[in-house]
C-alpha atoms as a PDB file:
ATOM      1  CA  MET A   1       0.000   0.000   0.000  1.00  0.00           C
ATOM      2  CA  THR A   2       2.838   2.311   0.899  1.00  0.00           C
ATOM      3  CA  GLY A   3       4.495   1.553  -2.413  1.00  0.00           C
ATOM      4  CA  MET A   4       1.376   2.446  -4.369  1.00  0.00           C
ATOM      5  CA  LEU A   5       1.136   5.817  -2.571  1.00  0.00           C
ATOM      6  CA  ARG A   6       4.790   6.475  -3.226  1.00  0.00           C
ATOM      7  CA  ARG A   7       4.399   5.718  -6.957  1.00  0.00           C
ATOM      8  CA  GLY A   8       1.191   7.900  -7.154  1.00  0.00           C
ATOM      9  CA  TRP A   9       2.926  10.820  -5.491  1.00  0.00           C
ATOM     10  CA  HIS A  10       5.910  10.422  -7.803  1.00  0.00           C
ATOM     11  CA  ARG A  11       3.631  10.642 -10.893  1.00  0.00           C
ATOM     12  CA  LEU A  12       1.793  13.656  -9.461  1.00  0.00           C
ATOM     13  CA  SER A  13       5.096  15.435  -8.790  1.00  0.00           C
ATOM     14  CA  ILE A  14       6.013  14.978 -12.453  1.00  0.00           C
ATOM     15  CA  TYR A  15       2.786  16.669 -13.722  1.00  0.00           C
ATOM     16  CA  LEU A  16       2.483  19.266 -10.915  1.00  0.00           C
ATOM     17  CA  PRO A  17       4.482  22.029 -12.729  1.00  0.00           C
ATOM     18  CA  ILE A  18       2.319  21.570 -15.828  1.00  0.00           C
ATOM     19  CA  ILE A  19      -0.871  21.825 -13.761  1.00  0.00           C
ATOM     20  CA  LEU A  20       0.359  25.000 -11.994  1.00  0.00           C
ATOM     21  CA  MET A  21       1.320  26.618 -15.322  1.00  0.00           C
ATOM     22  CA  ALA A  22      -2.139  25.811 -16.713  1.00  0.00           C
ATOM     23  CA  LEU A  23      -3.848  27.388 -13.696  1.00  0.00           C
ATOM     24  CA  ALA A  24      -1.651  30.482 -13.953  1.00  0.00           C
ATOM     25  CA  ALA A  25      -2.452  30.841 -17.668  1.00  0.00           C
ATOM     26  CA  LEU A  26      -6.177  30.490 -16.970  1.00  0.00           C
ATOM     27  CA  GLY A  27      -6.040  33.202 -14.276  1.00  0.00           C
ATOM     28  CA  THR A  28      -4.136  35.559 -16.599  1.00  0.00           C
ATOM     29  CA  TRP A  29      -6.697  35.049 -19.384  1.00  0.00           C
ATOM     30  CA  GLN A  30      -9.583  35.855 -17.006  1.00  0.00           C
ATOM     31  CA  LEU A  31      -7.788  39.012 -15.833  1.00  0.00           C
ATOM     32  CA  VAL A  32      -7.207  40.238 -19.412  1.00  0.00           C
ATOM     33  CA  ARG A  33     -10.793  39.492 -20.428  1.00  0.00           C
ATOM     34  CA  ASN A  34     -12.229  41.557 -17.564  1.00  0.00           C
ATOM     35  CA  SER A  35      -9.769  44.447 -17.947  1.00  0.00           C
ATOM     36  CA  VAL A  36     -10.469  47.652 -19.910  1.00  0.00           C
ATOM     37  CA  LEU A  37      -7.730  48.217 -22.463  1.00  0.00           C
ATOM     38  CA  PRO A  38      -6.212  51.703 -22.807  1.00  0.00           C
ATOM     39  CA  GLY A  39      -8.372  53.803 -25.112  1.00  0.00           C
ATOM     40  CA  ALA A  40     -11.295  51.381 -24.950  1.00  0.00           C
ATOM     41  CA  GLU A  41     -14.705  52.791 -24.070  1.00  0.00           C
ATOM     42  CA  ARG A  42     -16.139  51.813 -20.726  1.00  0.00           C
ATOM     43  CA  PRO A  43     -19.716  50.503 -20.624  1.00  0.00           C
ATOM     44  CA  ALA A  44     -22.181  53.391 -20.287  1.00  0.00           C
ATOM     45  CA  GLN A  45     -23.823  53.612 -16.886  1.00  0.00           C
ATOM     46  CA  ALA A  46     -27.271  55.127 -16.489  1.00  0.00           C
ATOM     47  CA  ALA A  47     -27.120  58.372 -14.511  1.00  0.00           C
ATOM     48  CA  THR A  48     -29.182  58.446 -11.345  1.00  0.00           C
ATOM     49  CA  HIS A  49     -30.822  61.477  -9.776  1.00  0.00           C
ATOM     50  CA  GLU A  50     -28.175  61.728  -7.084  1.00  0.00           C
ATOM     51  CA  PRO A  51     -26.075  64.872  -6.502  1.00  0.00           C
ATOM     52  CA  ASP A  52     -22.465  64.627  -7.596  1.00  0.00           C
ATOM     53  CA  TYR A  53     -21.305  67.744  -5.732  1.00  0.00           C
ATOM     54  CA  PHE A  54     -22.506  70.197  -3.092  1.00  0.00           C
ATOM     55  CA  MET A  55     -21.927  73.888  -2.376  1.00  0.00           C
ATOM     56  CA  ARG A  56     -22.548  76.027   0.685  1.00  0.00           C
ATOM     57  CA  ASP A  57     -22.811  79.821   0.993  1.00  0.00           C
ATOM     58  CA  PHE A  58     -21.971  80.251  -2.667  1.00  0.00           C
ATOM     59  CA  SER A  59     -22.435  82.510  -5.681  1.00  0.00           C
ATOM     60  CA  VAL A  60     -22.564  81.321  -9.319  1.00  0.00           C
ATOM     61  CA  ARG A  61     -22.236  83.881 -12.120  1.00  0.00           C
ATOM     62  CA  SER A  62     -22.537  83.645 -15.905  1.00  0.00           C
ATOM     63  CA  PHE A  63     -21.146  86.134 -18.431  1.00  0.00           C
ATOM     64  CA  ASP A  64     -21.690  86.888 -22.114  1.00  0.00           C
ATOM     65  CA  VAL A  65     -18.953  86.673 -24.765  1.00  0.00           C
ATOM     66  CA  ALA A  66     -17.938  90.275 -23.998  1.00  0.00           C
ATOM     67  CA  GLY A  67     -17.433  89.460 -20.331  1.00  0.00           C
ATOM     68  CA  LYS A  68     -20.518  91.311 -19.057  1.00  0.00           C
ATOM     69  CA  LEU A  69     -22.474  89.801 -16.209  1.00  0.00           C
ATOM     70  CA  GLN A  70     -25.676  88.135 -17.402  1.00  0.00           C
ATOM     71  CA  SER A  71     -26.920  86.354 -14.296  1.00  0.00           C
ATOM     72  CA  GLU A  72     -26.019  85.481 -10.729  1.00  0.00           C
ATOM     73  CA  ILE A  73     -27.418  82.905  -8.297  1.00  0.00           C
ATOM     74  CA  ILE A  74     -26.699  83.050  -4.556  1.00  0.00           C
ATOM     75  CA  GLY A  75     -27.800  80.512  -1.948  1.00  0.00           C
ATOM     76  CA  THR A  76     -27.060  78.871   1.359  1.00  0.00           C
ATOM     77  CA  ASP A  77     -26.817  75.317  -0.010  1.00  0.00           C
ATOM     78  CA  ALA A  78     -26.838  73.804  -3.491  1.00  0.00           C
ATOM     79  CA  ARG A  79     -26.814  70.360  -5.061  1.00  0.00           C
ATOM     80  CA  HIS A  80     -25.891  69.510  -8.645  1.00  0.00           C
ATOM     81  CA  TYR A  81     -27.662  66.608 -10.385  1.00  0.00           C
ATOM     82  CA  PRO A  82     -25.697  65.186 -13.339  1.00  0.00           C
ATOM     83  CA  ASP A  83     -28.637  63.326 -14.926  1.00  0.00           C
ATOM     84  CA  THR A  84     -30.520  66.581 -15.577  1.00  0.00           C
ATOM     85  CA  ASP A  85     -27.525  68.967 -15.325  1.00  0.00           C
ATOM     86  CA  THR A  86     -29.504  71.143 -12.921  1.00  0.00           C
ATOM     87  CA  LEU A  87     -28.568  73.040  -9.772  1.00  0.00           C
ATOM     88  CA  GLU A  88     -30.977  72.996  -6.820  1.00  0.00           C
ATOM     89  CA  VAL A  89     -30.503  75.957  -4.478  1.00  0.00           C
ATOM     90  CA  ASP A  90     -31.850  76.614  -0.964  1.00  0.00           C
ATOM     91  CA  ALA A  91     -32.701  80.185   0.127  1.00  0.00           C
ATOM     92  CA  ALA A  92     -32.103  81.323  -3.435  1.00  0.00           C
ATOM     93  CA  ARG A  93     -31.438  84.870  -4.591  1.00  0.00           C
ATOM     94  CA  MET A  94     -30.842  85.623  -8.243  1.00  0.00           C
ATOM     95  CA  ARG A  95     -30.537  88.507 -10.654  1.00  0.00           C
ATOM     96  CA  SER A  96     -30.294  88.792 -14.412  1.00  0.00           C
ATOM     97  CA  ILE A  97     -29.318  91.703 -16.651  1.00  0.00           C
ATOM     98  CA  ASN A  98     -30.500  92.005 -20.262  1.00  0.00           C
ATOM     99  CA  ALA A  99     -28.710  93.674 -23.181  1.00  0.00           C
ATOM    100  CA  GLU A 100     -30.226  97.077 -22.306  1.00  0.00           C
ATOM    101  CA  GLY A 101     -28.932  96.846 -18.740  1.00  0.00           C
ATOM    102  CA  THR A 102     -32.350  96.213 -17.156  1.00  0.00           C
ATOM    103  CA  GLU A 103     -31.970  94.147 -14.018  1.00  0.00           C
ATOM    104  CA  MET A 104     -34.482  91.583 -12.788  1.00  0.00           C
ATOM    105  CA  ARG A 105     -34.157  90.109  -9.290  1.00  0.00           C
ATOM    106  CA  ALA A 106     -35.771  87.075  -7.709  1.00  0.00           C
ATOM    107  CA  THR A 107     -35.900  85.289  -4.358  1.00  0.00           C
ATOM    108  CA  ALA A 108     -37.449  81.986  -3.225  1.00  0.00           C
ATOM    109  CA  ASN A 109     -37.182  79.298  -0.581  1.00  0.00           C
ATOM    110  CA  ARG A 110     -35.816  76.960  -3.246  1.00  0.00           C
ATOM    111  CA  ALA A 111     -34.779  77.298  -6.880  1.00  0.00           C
ATOM    112  CA  VAL A 112     -33.876  74.874  -9.659  1.00  0.00           C
ATOM    113  CA  SER A 113     -31.659  76.247 -12.421  1.00  0.00           C
ATOM    114  CA  ASN A 114     -30.441  74.749 -15.693  1.00  0.00           C
ATOM    115  CA  ALA A 115     -26.739  74.677 -16.595  1.00  0.00           C
ATOM    116  CA  ASP A 116     -26.380  78.297 -17.782  1.00  0.00           C
ATOM    117  CA  ALA A 117     -29.001  79.807 -15.420  1.00  0.00           C
ATOM    118  CA  SER A 118     -31.138  80.874 -18.401  1.00  0.00           C
ATOM    119  CA  GLU A 119     -34.150  79.008 -16.989  1.00  0.00           C
ATOM    120  CA  VAL A 120     -34.935  79.036 -13.266  1.00  0.00           C
ATOM    121  CA  GLN A 121     -37.902  77.616 -11.369  1.00  0.00           C
ATOM    122  CA  LEU A 122     -38.713  79.277  -8.035  1.00  0.00           C
ATOM    123  CA  PHE A 123     -40.568  77.388  -5.277  1.00  0.00           C
ATOM    124  CA  GLY A 124     -42.034  78.796  -2.059  1.00  0.00           C
ATOM    125  CA  ASN A 125     -42.389  82.548  -1.361  1.00  0.00           C
ATOM    126  CA  ALA A 126     -41.272  83.243  -4.921  1.00  0.00           C
ATOM    127  CA  VAL A 127     -40.784  86.918  -5.774  1.00  0.00           C
ATOM    128  CA  VAL A 128     -39.583  88.427  -9.060  1.00  0.00           C
ATOM    129  CA  VAL A 129     -38.922  92.181  -9.306  1.00  0.00           C
ATOM    130  CA  ARG A 130     -38.144  94.418 -12.263  1.00  0.00           C
ATOM    131  CA  ASP A 131     -37.327  97.984 -11.272  1.00  0.00           C
ATOM    132  CA  ALA A 132     -38.773 100.984 -13.080  1.00  0.00           C
ATOM    133  CA  VAL A 133     -36.974 101.625 -16.371  1.00  0.00           C
ATOM    134  CA  GLN A 134     -37.104 104.114 -19.214  1.00  0.00           C
ATOM    135  CA  GLY A 135     -38.619 102.715 -22.404  1.00  0.00           C
ATOM    136  CA  PRO A 136     -37.155 102.983 -25.921  1.00  0.00           C
ATOM    137  CA  VAL A 137     -39.049 106.214 -26.676  1.00  0.00           C
ATOM    138  CA  GLY A 138     -38.497 107.827 -23.290  1.00  0.00           C
ATOM    139  CA  GLN A 139     -41.588 106.638 -21.433  1.00  0.00           C
ATOM    140  CA  VAL A 140     -41.136 105.303 -17.922  1.00  0.00           C
ATOM    141  CA  GLN A 141     -42.141 101.692 -17.295  1.00  0.00           C
ATOM    142  CA  ASP A 142     -43.273 101.252 -13.710  1.00  0.00           C
ATOM    143  CA  ARG A 143     -41.678  98.876 -11.254  1.00  0.00           C
ATOM    144  CA  MET A 144     -43.170  95.375 -11.482  1.00  0.00           C
ATOM    145  CA  GLU A 145     -43.312  92.715  -8.794  1.00  0.00           C
ATOM    146  CA  PHE A 146     -44.633  89.139  -9.092  1.00  0.00           C
ATOM    147  CA  ARG A 147     -45.482  87.012  -6.049  1.00  0.00           C
ATOM    148  CA  SER A 148     -46.523  83.355  -6.026  1.00  0.00           C
ATOM    149  CA  GLU A 149     -45.708  79.966  -4.548  1.00  0.00           C
ATOM    150  CA  PHE A 150     -44.209  79.065  -7.937  1.00  0.00           C
ATOM    151  CA  LEU A 151     -42.669  81.217 -10.663  1.00  0.00           C
ATOM    152  CA  HIS A 152     -40.897  79.961 -13.789  1.00  0.00           C
ATOM    153  CA  THR A 153     -38.455  82.484 -15.258  1.00  0.00           C
ATOM    154  CA  PHE A 154     -36.881  82.422 -18.730  1.00  0.00           C
ATOM    155  CA  VAL A 155     -33.984  84.859 -18.577  1.00  0.00           C
ATOM    156  CA  ASN A 156     -33.027  85.034 -22.268  1.00  0.00           C
ATOM    157  CA  PHE A 157     -36.652  85.526 -23.380  1.00  0.00           C
ATOM    158  CA  GLU A 158     -37.520  87.779 -20.390  1.00  0.00           C
ATOM    159  CA  ARG A 159     -40.615  85.782 -19.529  1.00  0.00           C
ATOM    160  CA  VAL A 160     -42.220  84.798 -16.241  1.00  0.00           C
ATOM    161  CA  ARG A 161     -45.044  82.270 -15.913  1.00  0.00           C
ATOM    162  CA  SER A 162     -46.924  80.360 -13.259  1.00  0.00           C
ATOM    163  CA  HIS A 163     -49.736  77.819 -13.081  1.00  0.00           C
ATOM    164  CA  LEU A 164     -50.489  78.890  -9.493  1.00  0.00           C
ATOM    165  CA  PRO A 165     -52.208  82.040  -8.135  1.00  0.00           C
ATOM    166  CA  VAL A 166     -50.126  85.167  -8.686  1.00  0.00           C
ATOM    167  CA  VAL A 167     -50.158  88.712  -7.301  1.00  0.00           C
ATOM    168  CA  LEU A 168     -48.707  91.348  -9.630  1.00  0.00           C
ATOM    169  CA  THR A 169     -47.923  94.893  -8.540  1.00  0.00           C
ATOM    170  CA  ARG A 170     -47.148  97.413 -11.295  1.00  0.00           C
ATOM    171  CA  GLY A 171     -46.462 100.856  -9.905  1.00  0.00           C
ATOM    172  CA  LEU A 172     -49.577 101.550  -7.818  1.00  0.00           C
ATOM    173  CA  ASP A 173     -51.708  99.039  -9.741  1.00  0.00           C
ATOM    174  CA  ARG A 174     -52.356  95.556  -8.410  1.00  0.00           C
ATOM    175  CA  PHE A 175     -53.603  92.426 -10.220  1.00  0.00           C
ATOM    176  CA  THR A 176     -54.323  88.880  -9.093  1.00  0.00           C
ATOM    177  CA  GLY A 177     -55.037  85.785 -11.144  1.00  0.00           C
ATOM    178  CA  SER A 178     -55.163  81.999 -10.949  1.00  0.00           C
ATOM    179  CA  ALA A 179     -52.327  81.679 -13.479  1.00  0.00           C
ATOM    180  CA  MET A 180     -50.068  84.047 -15.403  1.00  0.00           C
ATOM    181  CA  GLU A 181     -47.862  84.491 -18.448  1.00  0.00           C
ATOM    182  CA  TYR A 182     -45.730  87.651 -18.713  1.00  0.00           C
ATOM    183  CA  ASP A 183     -43.624  88.634 -21.722  1.00  0.00           C
ATOM    184  CA  ASN A 184     -41.385  91.616 -20.973  1.00  0.00           C
ATOM    185  CA  LEU A 185     -40.166  91.964 -24.577  1.00  0.00           C
ATOM    186  CA  GLU A 186     -43.712  92.231 -25.932  1.00  0.00           C
ATOM    187  CA  ARG A 187     -44.931  94.133 -22.829  1.00  0.00           C
ATOM    188  CA  VAL A 188     -47.853  91.715 -22.482  1.00  0.00           C
ATOM    189  CA  LEU A 189     -49.308  90.273 -19.281  1.00  0.00           C
ATOM    190  CA  ASP A 190     -51.832  87.438 -19.538  1.00  0.00           C
ATOM    191  CA  LEU A 191     -53.755  86.609 -16.352  1.00  0.00           C
ATOM    192  CA  THR A 192     -56.239  83.738 -16.437  1.00  0.00           C
ATOM    193  CA  GLY A 193     -58.778  82.201 -14.090  1.00  0.00           C
ATOM    194  CA  SER A 194     -60.281  84.422 -11.422  1.00  0.00           C
ATOM    195  CA  VAL A 195     -58.773  87.805 -12.317  1.00  0.00           C
ATOM    196  CA  THR A 196     -59.001  90.947 -10.171  1.00  0.00           C
ATOM    197  CA  GLY A 197     -57.425  94.313 -10.896  1.00  0.00           C
ATOM    198  CA  PHE A 198     -56.964  97.503  -8.868  1.00  0.00           C
ATOM    199  CA  LEU A 199     -55.960 100.415 -11.111  1.00  0.00           C
ATOM    200  CA  VAL A 200     -54.821 103.863 -10.014  1.00  0.00           C
ATOM    201  CA  PRO A 201     -54.909 106.366 -12.932  1.00  0.00           C
ATOM    202  CA  THR A 202     -52.207 108.984 -13.304  1.00  0.00           C
ATOM    203  CA  LYS A 203     -52.882 112.649 -12.596  1.00  0.00           C
ATOM    204  CA  ARG A 204     -53.204 113.246 -16.328  1.00  0.00           C
ATOM    205  CA  SER A 205     -56.506 111.358 -16.270  1.00  0.00           C
ATOM    206  CA  GLY A 206     -58.074 114.154 -14.203  1.00  0.00           C
ATOM    207  CA  THR A 207     -58.965 111.982 -11.216  1.00  0.00           C
ATOM    208  CA  ASP A 208     -57.109 111.223  -8.062  1.00  0.00           C
ATOM    209  CA  ASP A 209     -57.781 107.503  -7.929  1.00  0.00           C
ATOM    210  CA  ALA A 210     -60.064 104.787  -9.215  1.00  0.00           C
ATOM    211  CA  LYS A 211     -60.762 101.142  -8.700  1.00  0.00           C
ATOM    212  CA  ARG A 212     -61.602  98.535 -11.296  1.00  0.00           C
ATOM    213  CA  SER A 213     -62.081  94.822 -10.849  1.00  0.00           C
ATOM    214  CA  SER A 214     -63.198  91.784 -12.853  1.00  0.00           C
ATOM    215  CA  ASN A 215     -63.574  88.029 -12.432  1.00  0.00           C
ATOM    216  CA  SER A 216     -62.770  86.696 -15.890  1.00  0.00           C
ATOM    217  CA  LYS A 217     -59.834  85.973 -18.121  1.00  0.00           C
ATOM    218  CA  GLY A 218     -57.911  89.067 -19.055  1.00  0.00           C
ATOM    219  CA  THR A 219     -54.878  90.455 -20.815  1.00  0.00           C
ATOM    220  CA  ALA A 220     -53.143  93.630 -19.703  1.00  0.00           C
ATOM    221  CA  PRO A 221     -50.179  95.524 -21.147  1.00  0.00           C
ATOM    222  CA  GLY A 222     -46.914  95.008 -19.316  1.00  0.00           C
END
């Protein structure tokens, strides 16, 4: 019995180096197969709606090709989501400046901005303000203020919209509506739903004050 074991071990010792070399070759082949070669594309991974970076007490600015400030967003905390390339900002404050130098400011509890801050959604205590400016033919355009729980601003097109109730103050005039679309370039305000307006005529109208109201869809000049 001892002799048979000795002969079996002797045969195994002869083939052992070959077996070890075969195992080593197999392991190397598996390693190469699962490795990414230099220059080879990695498998695409689906982006998830998880922030890839955070900011605190920050300010983000964007400029035009001439180096002039176009927009600025300030907040206490921010999170960037790579799947939508959006920036979510807490305690947001923003301002934008058009080609004529007119500045529009906004504040909200939370804001969501696209990559270049040309489109910003404002949530909770949303306020957008455009100061009084002089029009192209010298007329003064009164200060305008929008208030709502949601405002959607389009900086490049100078538009503000909301599907929720809105309060608009223009100079001494005041309007409310269930929804709103405002186009600053066309000077058009479109209030829909239950619309109410309080208008104060200028002294040129010959009266000191007046009040007008309605409860239907309406369009008013901006």
